[in-house]
Amino acid sequence: AIYATDLSAASEAAIQNETCLECLGRIGVDTIHL
């Protein structure tokens, strides 16, 4: 997956959210391109 970020507070909120990341892992995402 690509995770597009502008280094803003909003982007950081999504990237730092453990539950969001866990959901991505559940569907099979194992590699992330920031």
PDB file of all heavy atoms in Angstrom:
ATOM      1  N   ALA A   1       0.835  -1.206   0.000  1.00  0.00           N
ATOM      2  CA  ALA A   1       0.000   0.000   0.000  1.00  0.00           C
ATOM      3  C   ALA A   1       0.862   1.244   0.000  1.00  0.00           C
ATOM      4  O   ALA A   1       1.984   1.246   0.525  1.00  0.00           O
ATOM      5  CB  ALA A   1      -0.915   0.019   1.218  1.00  0.00           C
ATOM      6  N   ILE A   2       0.340   2.304  -0.620  1.00  0.00           N
ATOM      7  CA  ILE A   2       0.915   3.639  -0.491  1.00  0.00           C
ATOM      8  C   ILE A   2       0.164   4.370   0.619  1.00  0.00           C
ATOM      9  O   ILE A   2      -1.064   4.331   0.669  1.00  0.00           O
ATOM     10  CB  ILE A   2       0.795   4.431  -1.803  1.00  0.00           C
ATOM     11  CG1 ILE A   2       1.887   4.014  -2.790  1.00  0.00           C
ATOM     12  CG2 ILE A   2       0.872   5.937  -1.556  1.00  0.00           C
ATOM     13  CD1 ILE A   2       1.805   4.724  -4.117  1.00  0.00           C
ATOM     14  N   TYR A   3       0.904   5.016   1.513  1.00  0.00           N
ATOM     15  CA  TYR A   3       0.298   5.906   2.493  1.00  0.00           C
ATOM     16  C   TYR A   3       0.785   7.310   2.148  1.00  0.00           C
ATOM     17  O   TYR A   3       1.954   7.634   2.344  1.00  0.00           O
ATOM     18  CB  TYR A   3       0.718   5.527   3.912  1.00  0.00           C
ATOM     19  CG  TYR A   3      -0.396   5.679   4.915  1.00  0.00           C
ATOM     20  CD1 TYR A   3      -0.776   4.627   5.744  1.00  0.00           C
ATOM     21  CD2 TYR A   3      -1.080   6.891   5.034  1.00  0.00           C
ATOM     22  CE1 TYR A   3      -1.797   4.760   6.658  1.00  0.00           C
ATOM     23  CE2 TYR A   3      -2.113   7.031   5.943  1.00  0.00           C
ATOM     24  CZ  TYR A   3      -2.463   5.963   6.754  1.00  0.00           C
ATOM     25  OH  TYR A   3      -3.482   6.102   7.657  1.00  0.00           O
ATOM     26  N   ALA A   4      -0.077   8.121   1.560  1.00  0.00           N
ATOM     27  CA  ALA A   4       0.309   9.468   1.141  1.00  0.00           C
ATOM     28  C   ALA A   4       0.145  10.425   2.307  1.00  0.00           C
ATOM     29  O   ALA A   4      -0.907  10.466   2.945  1.00  0.00           O
ATOM     30  CB  ALA A   4      -0.541   9.919  -0.040  1.00  0.00           C
ATOM     31  N   THR A   5       1.183  11.196   2.596  1.00  0.00           N
ATOM     32  CA  THR A   5       1.138  12.119   3.723  1.00  0.00           C
ATOM     33  C   THR A   5       1.709  13.473   3.341  1.00  0.00           C
ATOM     34  O   THR A   5       2.648  13.566   2.564  1.00  0.00           O
ATOM     35  CB  THR A   5       1.931  11.564   4.933  1.00  0.00           C
ATOM     36  OG1 THR A   5       2.002  12.566   5.945  1.00  0.00           O
ATOM     37  CG2 THR A   5       3.348  11.161   4.536  1.00  0.00           C
ATOM     38  N   ASP A   6       1.129  14.526   3.882  1.00  0.00           N
ATOM     39  CA  ASP A   6       1.682  15.874   3.717  1.00  0.00           C
ATOM     40  C   ASP A   6       2.374  16.329   5.001  1.00  0.00           C
ATOM     41  O   ASP A   6       2.674  17.503   5.169  1.00  0.00           O
ATOM     42  CB  ASP A   6       0.592  16.867   3.308  1.00  0.00           C
ATOM     43  CG  ASP A   6      -0.508  16.993   4.357  1.00  0.00           C
ATOM     44  OD1 ASP A   6      -0.467  16.237   5.347  1.00  0.00           O
ATOM     45  OD2 ASP A   6      -1.408  17.832   4.189  1.00  0.00           O
ATOM     46  N   LEU A   7       2.607  15.363   5.931  1.00  0.00           N
ATOM     47  CA  LEU A   7       3.265  15.638   7.207  1.00  0.00           C
ATOM     48  C   LEU A   7       2.451  16.568   8.098  1.00  0.00           C
ATOM     49  O   LEU A   7       2.988  17.227   8.990  1.00  0.00           O
ATOM     50  CB  LEU A   7       4.672  16.214   6.993  1.00  0.00           C
ATOM     51  CG  LEU A   7       5.601  15.404   6.089  1.00  0.00           C
ATOM     52  CD1 LEU A   7       6.977  16.068   6.017  1.00  0.00           C
ATOM     53  CD2 LEU A   7       5.719  13.973   6.545  1.00  0.00           C
ATOM     54  N   SER A   8       1.142  16.637   7.868  1.00  0.00           N
ATOM     55  CA  SER A   8       0.270  17.487   8.674  1.00  0.00           C
ATOM     56  C   SER A   8      -0.192  16.753   9.926  1.00  0.00           C
ATOM     57  O   SER A   8      -0.015  15.538  10.078  1.00  0.00           O
ATOM     58  CB  SER A   8      -0.957  17.901   7.853  1.00  0.00           C
ATOM     59  OG  SER A   8      -1.761  16.757   7.591  1.00  0.00           O
ATOM     60  N   ALA A   9      -0.828  17.483  10.813  1.00  0.00           N
ATOM     61  CA  ALA A   9      -1.381  16.869  12.020  1.00  0.00           C
ATOM     62  C   ALA A   9      -2.448  15.850  11.664  1.00  0.00           C
ATOM     63  O   ALA A   9      -2.575  14.799  12.312  1.00  0.00           O
ATOM     64  CB  ALA A   9      -1.957  17.950  12.932  1.00  0.00           C
ATOM     65  N   ALA A  10      -3.220  16.121  10.622  1.00  0.00           N
ATOM     66  CA  ALA A  10      -4.260  15.179  10.205  1.00  0.00           C
ATOM     67  C   ALA A  10      -3.649  13.892   9.681  1.00  0.00           C
ATOM     68  O   ALA A  10      -4.100  12.790  10.003  1.00  0.00           O
ATOM     69  CB  ALA A  10      -5.149  15.822   9.143  1.00  0.00           C
ATOM     70  N   SER A  11      -2.615  14.002   8.852  1.00  0.00           N
ATOM     71  CA  SER A  11      -1.937  12.808   8.346  1.00  0.00           C
ATOM     72  C   SER A  11      -1.355  11.994   9.490  1.00  0.00           C
ATOM     73  O   SER A  11      -1.455  10.770   9.527  1.00  0.00           O
ATOM     74  CB  SER A  11      -0.813  13.205   7.378  1.00  0.00           C
ATOM     75  OG  SER A  11      -1.324  13.657   6.162  1.00  0.00           O
ATOM     76  N   GLU A  12      -0.753  12.689  10.440  1.00  0.00           N
ATOM     77  CA  GLU A  12      -0.143  11.987  11.560  1.00  0.00           C
ATOM     78  C   GLU A  12      -1.182  11.269  12.403  1.00  0.00           C
ATOM     79  O   GLU A  12      -0.938  10.166  12.896  1.00  0.00           O
ATOM     80  CB  GLU A  12       0.649  12.972  12.430  1.00  0.00           C
ATOM     81  CG  GLU A  12       1.361  12.295  13.573  1.00  0.00           C
ATOM     82  CD  GLU A  12       2.527  13.098  14.116  1.00  0.00           C
ATOM     83  OE1 GLU A  12       2.853  14.145  13.530  1.00  0.00           O
ATOM     84  OE2 GLU A  12       3.101  12.667  15.127  1.00  0.00           O
ATOM     85  N   ALA A  13      -2.352  11.863  12.558  1.00  0.00           N
ATOM     86  CA  ALA A  13      -3.409  11.221  13.339  1.00  0.00           C
ATOM     87  C   ALA A  13      -3.772   9.862  12.753  1.00  0.00           C
ATOM     88  O   ALA A  13      -3.969   8.886  13.479  1.00  0.00           O
ATOM     89  CB  ALA A  13      -4.638  12.128  13.378  1.00  0.00           C
ATOM     90  N   ALA A  14      -3.863   9.787  11.418  1.00  0.00           N
ATOM     91  CA  ALA A  14      -4.205   8.531  10.779  1.00  0.00           C
ATOM     92  C   ALA A  14      -3.078   7.519  10.896  1.00  0.00           C
ATOM     93  O   ALA A  14      -3.300   6.345  11.209  1.00  0.00           O
ATOM     94  CB  ALA A  14      -4.541   8.780   9.303  1.00  0.00           C
ATOM     95  N   ILE A  15      -1.858   7.962  10.653  1.00  0.00           N
ATOM     96  CA  ILE A  15      -0.715   7.055  10.674  1.00  0.00           C
ATOM     97  C   ILE A  15      -0.430   6.553  12.086  1.00  0.00           C
ATOM     98  O   ILE A  15      -0.001   5.411  12.278  1.00  0.00           O
ATOM     99  CB  ILE A  15       0.521   7.761  10.069  1.00  0.00           C
ATOM    100  CG1 ILE A  15       0.308   7.926   8.552  1.00  0.00           C
ATOM    101  CG2 ILE A  15       1.800   6.997  10.350  1.00  0.00           C
ATOM    102  CD1 ILE A  15       1.365   8.753   7.860  1.00  0.00           C
ATOM    103  N   GLN A  16      -0.691   7.372  13.087  1.00  0.00           N
ATOM    104  CA  GLN A  16      -0.423   6.987  14.471  1.00  0.00           C
ATOM    105  C   GLN A  16      -1.540   6.154  15.079  1.00  0.00           C
ATOM    106  O   GLN A  16      -1.386   5.644  16.194  1.00  0.00           O
ATOM    107  CB  GLN A  16      -0.223   8.251  15.332  1.00  0.00           C
ATOM    108  CG  GLN A  16       0.979   9.095  14.946  1.00  0.00           C
ATOM    109  CD  GLN A  16       2.259   8.659  15.653  1.00  0.00           C
ATOM    110  OE1 GLN A  16       2.303   7.587  16.235  1.00  0.00           O
ATOM    111  NE2 GLN A  16       3.284   9.480  15.576  1.00  0.00           N
ATOM    112  N   ASN A  17      -2.664   5.992  14.365  1.00  0.00           N
ATOM    113  CA  ASN A  17      -3.803   5.297  14.952  1.00  0.00           C
ATOM    114  C   ASN A  17      -3.598   3.777  14.883  1.00  0.00           C
ATOM    115  O   ASN A  17      -3.603   3.180  13.810  1.00  0.00           O
ATOM    116  CB  ASN A  17      -5.091   5.693  14.216  1.00  0.00           C
ATOM    117  CG  ASN A  17      -6.332   5.194  14.941  1.00  0.00           C
ATOM    118  OD1 ASN A  17      -6.629   4.008  14.926  1.00  0.00           O
ATOM    119  ND2 ASN A  17      -7.051   6.097  15.581  1.00  0.00           N
ATOM    120  N   GLU A  18      -3.432   3.160  16.042  1.00  0.00           N
ATOM    121  CA  GLU A  18      -3.124   1.733  16.092  1.00  0.00           C
ATOM    122  C   GLU A  18      -4.249   0.878  15.516  1.00  0.00           C
ATOM    123  O   GLU A  18      -4.003  -0.146  14.872  1.00  0.00           O
ATOM    124  CB  GLU A  18      -2.843   1.313  17.543  1.00  0.00           C
ATOM    125  CG  GLU A  18      -1.572   1.912  18.123  1.00  0.00           C
ATOM    126  CD  GLU A  18      -1.308   1.454  19.533  1.00  0.00           C
ATOM    127  OE1 GLU A  18      -2.105   0.614  20.046  1.00  0.00           O
ATOM    128  OE2 GLU A  18      -0.329   1.919  20.136  1.00  0.00           O
ATOM    129  N   THR A  19      -5.492   1.297  15.732  1.00  0.00           N
ATOM    130  CA  THR A  19      -6.623   0.514  15.241  1.00  0.00           C
ATOM    131  C   THR A  19      -6.674   0.531  13.718  1.00  0.00           C
ATOM    132  O   THR A  19      -6.917  -0.501  13.086  1.00  0.00           O
ATOM    133  CB  THR A  19      -7.947   1.056  15.816  1.00  0.00           C
ATOM    134  OG1 THR A  19      -7.867   1.054  17.240  1.00  0.00           O
ATOM    135  CG2 THR A  19      -9.118   0.188  15.380  1.00  0.00           C
ATOM    136  N   CYS A  20      -6.429   1.695  13.113  1.00  0.00           N
ATOM    137  CA  CYS A  20      -6.387   1.770  11.649  1.00  0.00           C
ATOM    138  C   CYS A  20      -5.303   0.853  11.099  1.00  0.00           C
ATOM    139  O   CYS A  20      -5.533   0.108  10.124  1.00  0.00           O
ATOM    140  CB  CYS A  20      -6.123   3.205  11.195  1.00  0.00           C
ATOM    141  SG  CYS A  20      -7.512   4.334  11.420  1.00  0.00           S
ATOM    142  N   LEU A  21      -4.134   0.887  11.693  1.00  0.00           N
ATOM    143  CA  LEU A  21      -3.039   0.052  11.221  1.00  0.00           C
ATOM    144  C   LEU A  21      -3.347  -1.430  11.396  1.00  0.00           C
ATOM    145  O   LEU A  21      -3.033  -2.258  10.537  1.00  0.00           O
ATOM    146  CB  LEU A  21      -1.746   0.416  11.956  1.00  0.00           C
ATOM    147  CG  LEU A  21      -1.204   1.825  11.699  1.00  0.00           C
ATOM    148  CD1 LEU A  21       0.079   2.057  12.496  1.00  0.00           C
ATOM    149  CD2 LEU A  21      -0.972   2.074  10.220  1.00  0.00           C
ATOM    150  N   GLU A  22      -3.996  -1.771  12.502  1.00  0.00           N
ATOM    151  CA  GLU A  22      -4.380  -3.165  12.728  1.00  0.00           C
ATOM    152  C   GLU A  22      -5.359  -3.640  11.651  1.00  0.00           C
ATOM    153  O   GLU A  22      -5.262  -4.766  11.156  1.00  0.00           O
ATOM    154  CB  GLU A  22      -5.015  -3.319  14.111  1.00  0.00           C
ATOM    155  CG  GLU A  22      -5.415  -4.757  14.441  1.00  0.00           C
ATOM    156  CD  GLU A  22      -6.119  -4.864  15.780  1.00  0.00           C
ATOM    157  OE1 GLU A  22      -6.171  -3.861  16.525  1.00  0.00           O
ATOM    158  OE2 GLU A  22      -6.635  -5.960  16.078  1.00  0.00           O
ATOM    159  N   CYS A  23      -6.294  -2.773  11.276  1.00  0.00           N
ATOM    160  CA  CYS A  23      -7.255  -3.134  10.218  1.00  0.00           C
ATOM    161  C   CYS A  23      -6.552  -3.379   8.890  1.00  0.00           C
ATOM    162  O   CYS A  23      -6.908  -4.302   8.151  1.00  0.00           O
ATOM    163  CB  CYS A  23      -8.291  -2.033  10.053  1.00  0.00           C
ATOM    164  SG  CYS A  23      -9.497  -1.942  11.397  1.00  0.00           S
ATOM    165  N   LEU A  24      -5.554  -2.561   8.577  1.00  0.00           N
ATOM    166  CA  LEU A  24      -4.798  -2.772   7.342  1.00  0.00           C
ATOM    167  C   LEU A  24      -4.074  -4.111   7.381  1.00  0.00           C
ATOM    168  O   LEU A  24      -4.019  -4.836   6.381  1.00  0.00           O
ATOM    169  CB  LEU A  24      -3.803  -1.628   7.137  1.00  0.00           C
ATOM    170  CG  LEU A  24      -4.408  -0.247   6.876  1.00  0.00           C
ATOM    171  CD1 LEU A  24      -3.307   0.807   6.797  1.00  0.00           C
ATOM    172  CD2 LEU A  24      -5.236  -0.245   5.591  1.00  0.00           C
ATOM    173  N   GLY A  25      -3.513  -4.447   8.524  1.00  0.00           N
ATOM    174  CA  GLY A  25      -2.855  -5.745   8.658  1.00  0.00           C
ATOM    175  C   GLY A  25      -3.823  -6.892   8.481  1.00  0.00           C
ATOM    176  O   GLY A  25      -3.481  -7.923   7.870  1.00  0.00           O
ATOM    177  N   ARG A  26      -5.028  -6.755   8.978  1.00  0.00           N
ATOM    178  CA  ARG A  26      -6.022  -7.824   8.871  1.00  0.00           C
ATOM    179  C   ARG A  26      -6.399  -8.137   7.440  1.00  0.00           C
ATOM    180  O   ARG A  26      -6.706  -9.280   7.094  1.00  0.00           O
ATOM    181  CB  ARG A  26      -7.284  -7.449   9.656  1.00  0.00           C
ATOM    182  CG  ARG A  26      -7.139  -7.598  11.150  1.00  0.00           C
ATOM    183  CD  ARG A  26      -8.470  -7.339  11.846  1.00  0.00           C
ATOM    184  NE  ARG A  26      -8.356  -7.455  13.277  1.00  0.00           N
ATOM    185  CZ  ARG A  26      -9.363  -7.269  14.121  1.00  0.00           C
ATOM    186  NH1 ARG A  26     -10.561  -6.934  13.646  1.00  0.00           N
ATOM    187  NH2 ARG A  26      -9.191  -7.390  15.418  1.00  0.00           N
ATOM    188  N   ILE A  27      -6.425  -7.126   6.578  1.00  0.00           N
ATOM    189  CA  ILE A  27      -6.819  -7.388   5.191  1.00  0.00           C
ATOM    190  C   ILE A  27      -5.640  -7.822   4.330  1.00  0.00           C
ATOM    191  O   ILE A  27      -5.792  -8.050   3.133  1.00  0.00           O
ATOM    192  CB  ILE A  27      -7.512  -6.166   4.551  1.00  0.00           C
ATOM    193  CG1 ILE A  27      -6.540  -5.010   4.350  1.00  0.00           C
ATOM    194  CG2 ILE A  27      -8.731  -5.750   5.379  1.00  0.00           C
ATOM    195  CD1 ILE A  27      -7.117  -3.875   3.523  1.00  0.00           C
ATOM    196  N   GLY A  28      -4.447  -7.912   4.954  1.00  0.00           N
ATOM    197  CA  GLY A  28      -3.318  -8.468   4.232  1.00  0.00           C
ATOM    198  C   GLY A  28      -2.227  -7.498   3.841  1.00  0.00           C
ATOM    199  O   GLY A  28      -1.270  -7.885   3.163  1.00  0.00           O
ATOM    200  N   VAL A  29      -2.337  -6.229   4.253  1.00  0.00           N
ATOM    201  CA  VAL A  29      -1.278  -5.270   3.939  1.00  0.00           C
ATOM    202  C   VAL A  29      -0.064  -5.583   4.813  1.00  0.00           C
ATOM    203  O   VAL A  29      -0.170  -5.687   6.030  1.00  0.00           O
ATOM    204  CB  VAL A  29      -1.740  -3.825   4.182  1.00  0.00           C
ATOM    205  CG1 VAL A  29      -0.579  -2.850   3.999  1.00  0.00           C
ATOM    206  CG2 VAL A  29      -2.894  -3.469   3.252  1.00  0.00           C
ATOM    207  N   ASP A  30       1.101  -5.769   4.177  1.00  0.00           N
ATOM    208  CA  ASP A  30       2.323  -6.017   4.940  1.00  0.00           C
ATOM    209  C   ASP A  30       3.452  -5.050   4.604  1.00  0.00           C
ATOM    210  O   ASP A  30       4.417  -4.933   5.345  1.00  0.00           O
ATOM    211  CB  ASP A  30       2.808  -7.459   4.751  1.00  0.00           C
ATOM    212  CG  ASP A  30       2.967  -7.849   3.285  1.00  0.00           C
ATOM    213  OD1 ASP A  30       3.035  -6.952   2.423  1.00  0.00           O
ATOM    214  OD2 ASP A  30       3.020  -9.054   2.990  1.00  0.00           O
ATOM    215  N   THR A  31       3.325  -4.342   3.473  1.00  0.00           N
ATOM    216  CA  THR A  31       4.340  -3.382   3.067  1.00  0.00           C
ATOM    217  C   THR A  31       3.680  -2.037   2.791  1.00  0.00           C
ATOM    218  O   THR A  31       2.669  -1.976   2.089  1.00  0.00           O
ATOM    219  CB  THR A  31       5.074  -3.846   1.793  1.00  0.00           C
ATOM    220  OG1 THR A  31       5.704  -5.106   2.054  1.00  0.00           O
ATOM    221  CG2 THR A  31       6.126  -2.829   1.367  1.00  0.00           C
ATOM    222  N   ILE A  32       4.239  -0.970   3.355  1.00  0.00           N
ATOM    223  CA  ILE A  32       3.676   0.362   3.168  1.00  0.00           C
ATOM    224  C   ILE A  32       4.752   1.306   2.628  1.00  0.00           C
ATOM    225  O   ILE A  32       5.857   1.388   3.173  1.00  0.00           O
ATOM    226  CB  ILE A  32       3.099   0.920   4.477  1.00  0.00           C
ATOM    227  CG1 ILE A  32       1.855   0.110   4.887  1.00  0.00           C
ATOM    228  CG2 ILE A  32       2.736   2.401   4.337  1.00  0.00           C
ATOM    229  CD1 ILE A  32       1.206   0.548   6.180  1.00  0.00           C
ATOM    230  N   HIS A  33       4.412   1.985   1.540  1.00  0.00           N
ATOM    231  CA  HIS A  33       5.270   3.011   0.967  1.00  0.00           C
ATOM    232  C   HIS A  33       4.772   4.368   1.462  1.00  0.00           C
ATOM    233  O   HIS A  33       3.677   4.798   1.091  1.00  0.00           O
ATOM    234  CB  HIS A  33       5.228   2.965  -0.560  1.00  0.00           C
ATOM    235  CG  HIS A  33       5.839   1.729  -1.136  1.00  0.00           C
ATOM    236  ND1 HIS A  33       7.131   1.676  -1.598  1.00  0.00           N
ATOM    237  CD2 HIS A  33       5.327   0.487  -1.321  1.00  0.00           C
ATOM    238  CE1 HIS A  33       7.393   0.468  -2.056  1.00  0.00           C
ATOM    239  NE2 HIS A  33       6.315  -0.273  -1.889  1.00  0.00           N
ATOM    240  N   LEU A  34       5.557   5.010   2.317  1.00  0.00           N
ATOM    241  CA  LEU A  34       5.216   6.355   2.784  1.00  0.00           C
ATOM    242  C   LEU A  34       5.655   7.356   1.718  1.00  0.00           C
ATOM    243  O   LEU A  34       6.830   7.403   1.346  1.00  0.00           O
ATOM    244  CB  LEU A  34       5.926   6.653   4.100  1.00  0.00           C
ATOM    245  CG  LEU A  34       5.343   5.992   5.352  1.00  0.00           C
ATOM    246  CD1 LEU A  34       6.342   6.091   6.493  1.00  0.00           C
ATOM    247  CD2 LEU A  34       4.032   6.646   5.739  1.00  0.00           C
TER     248      LEU A  34
END
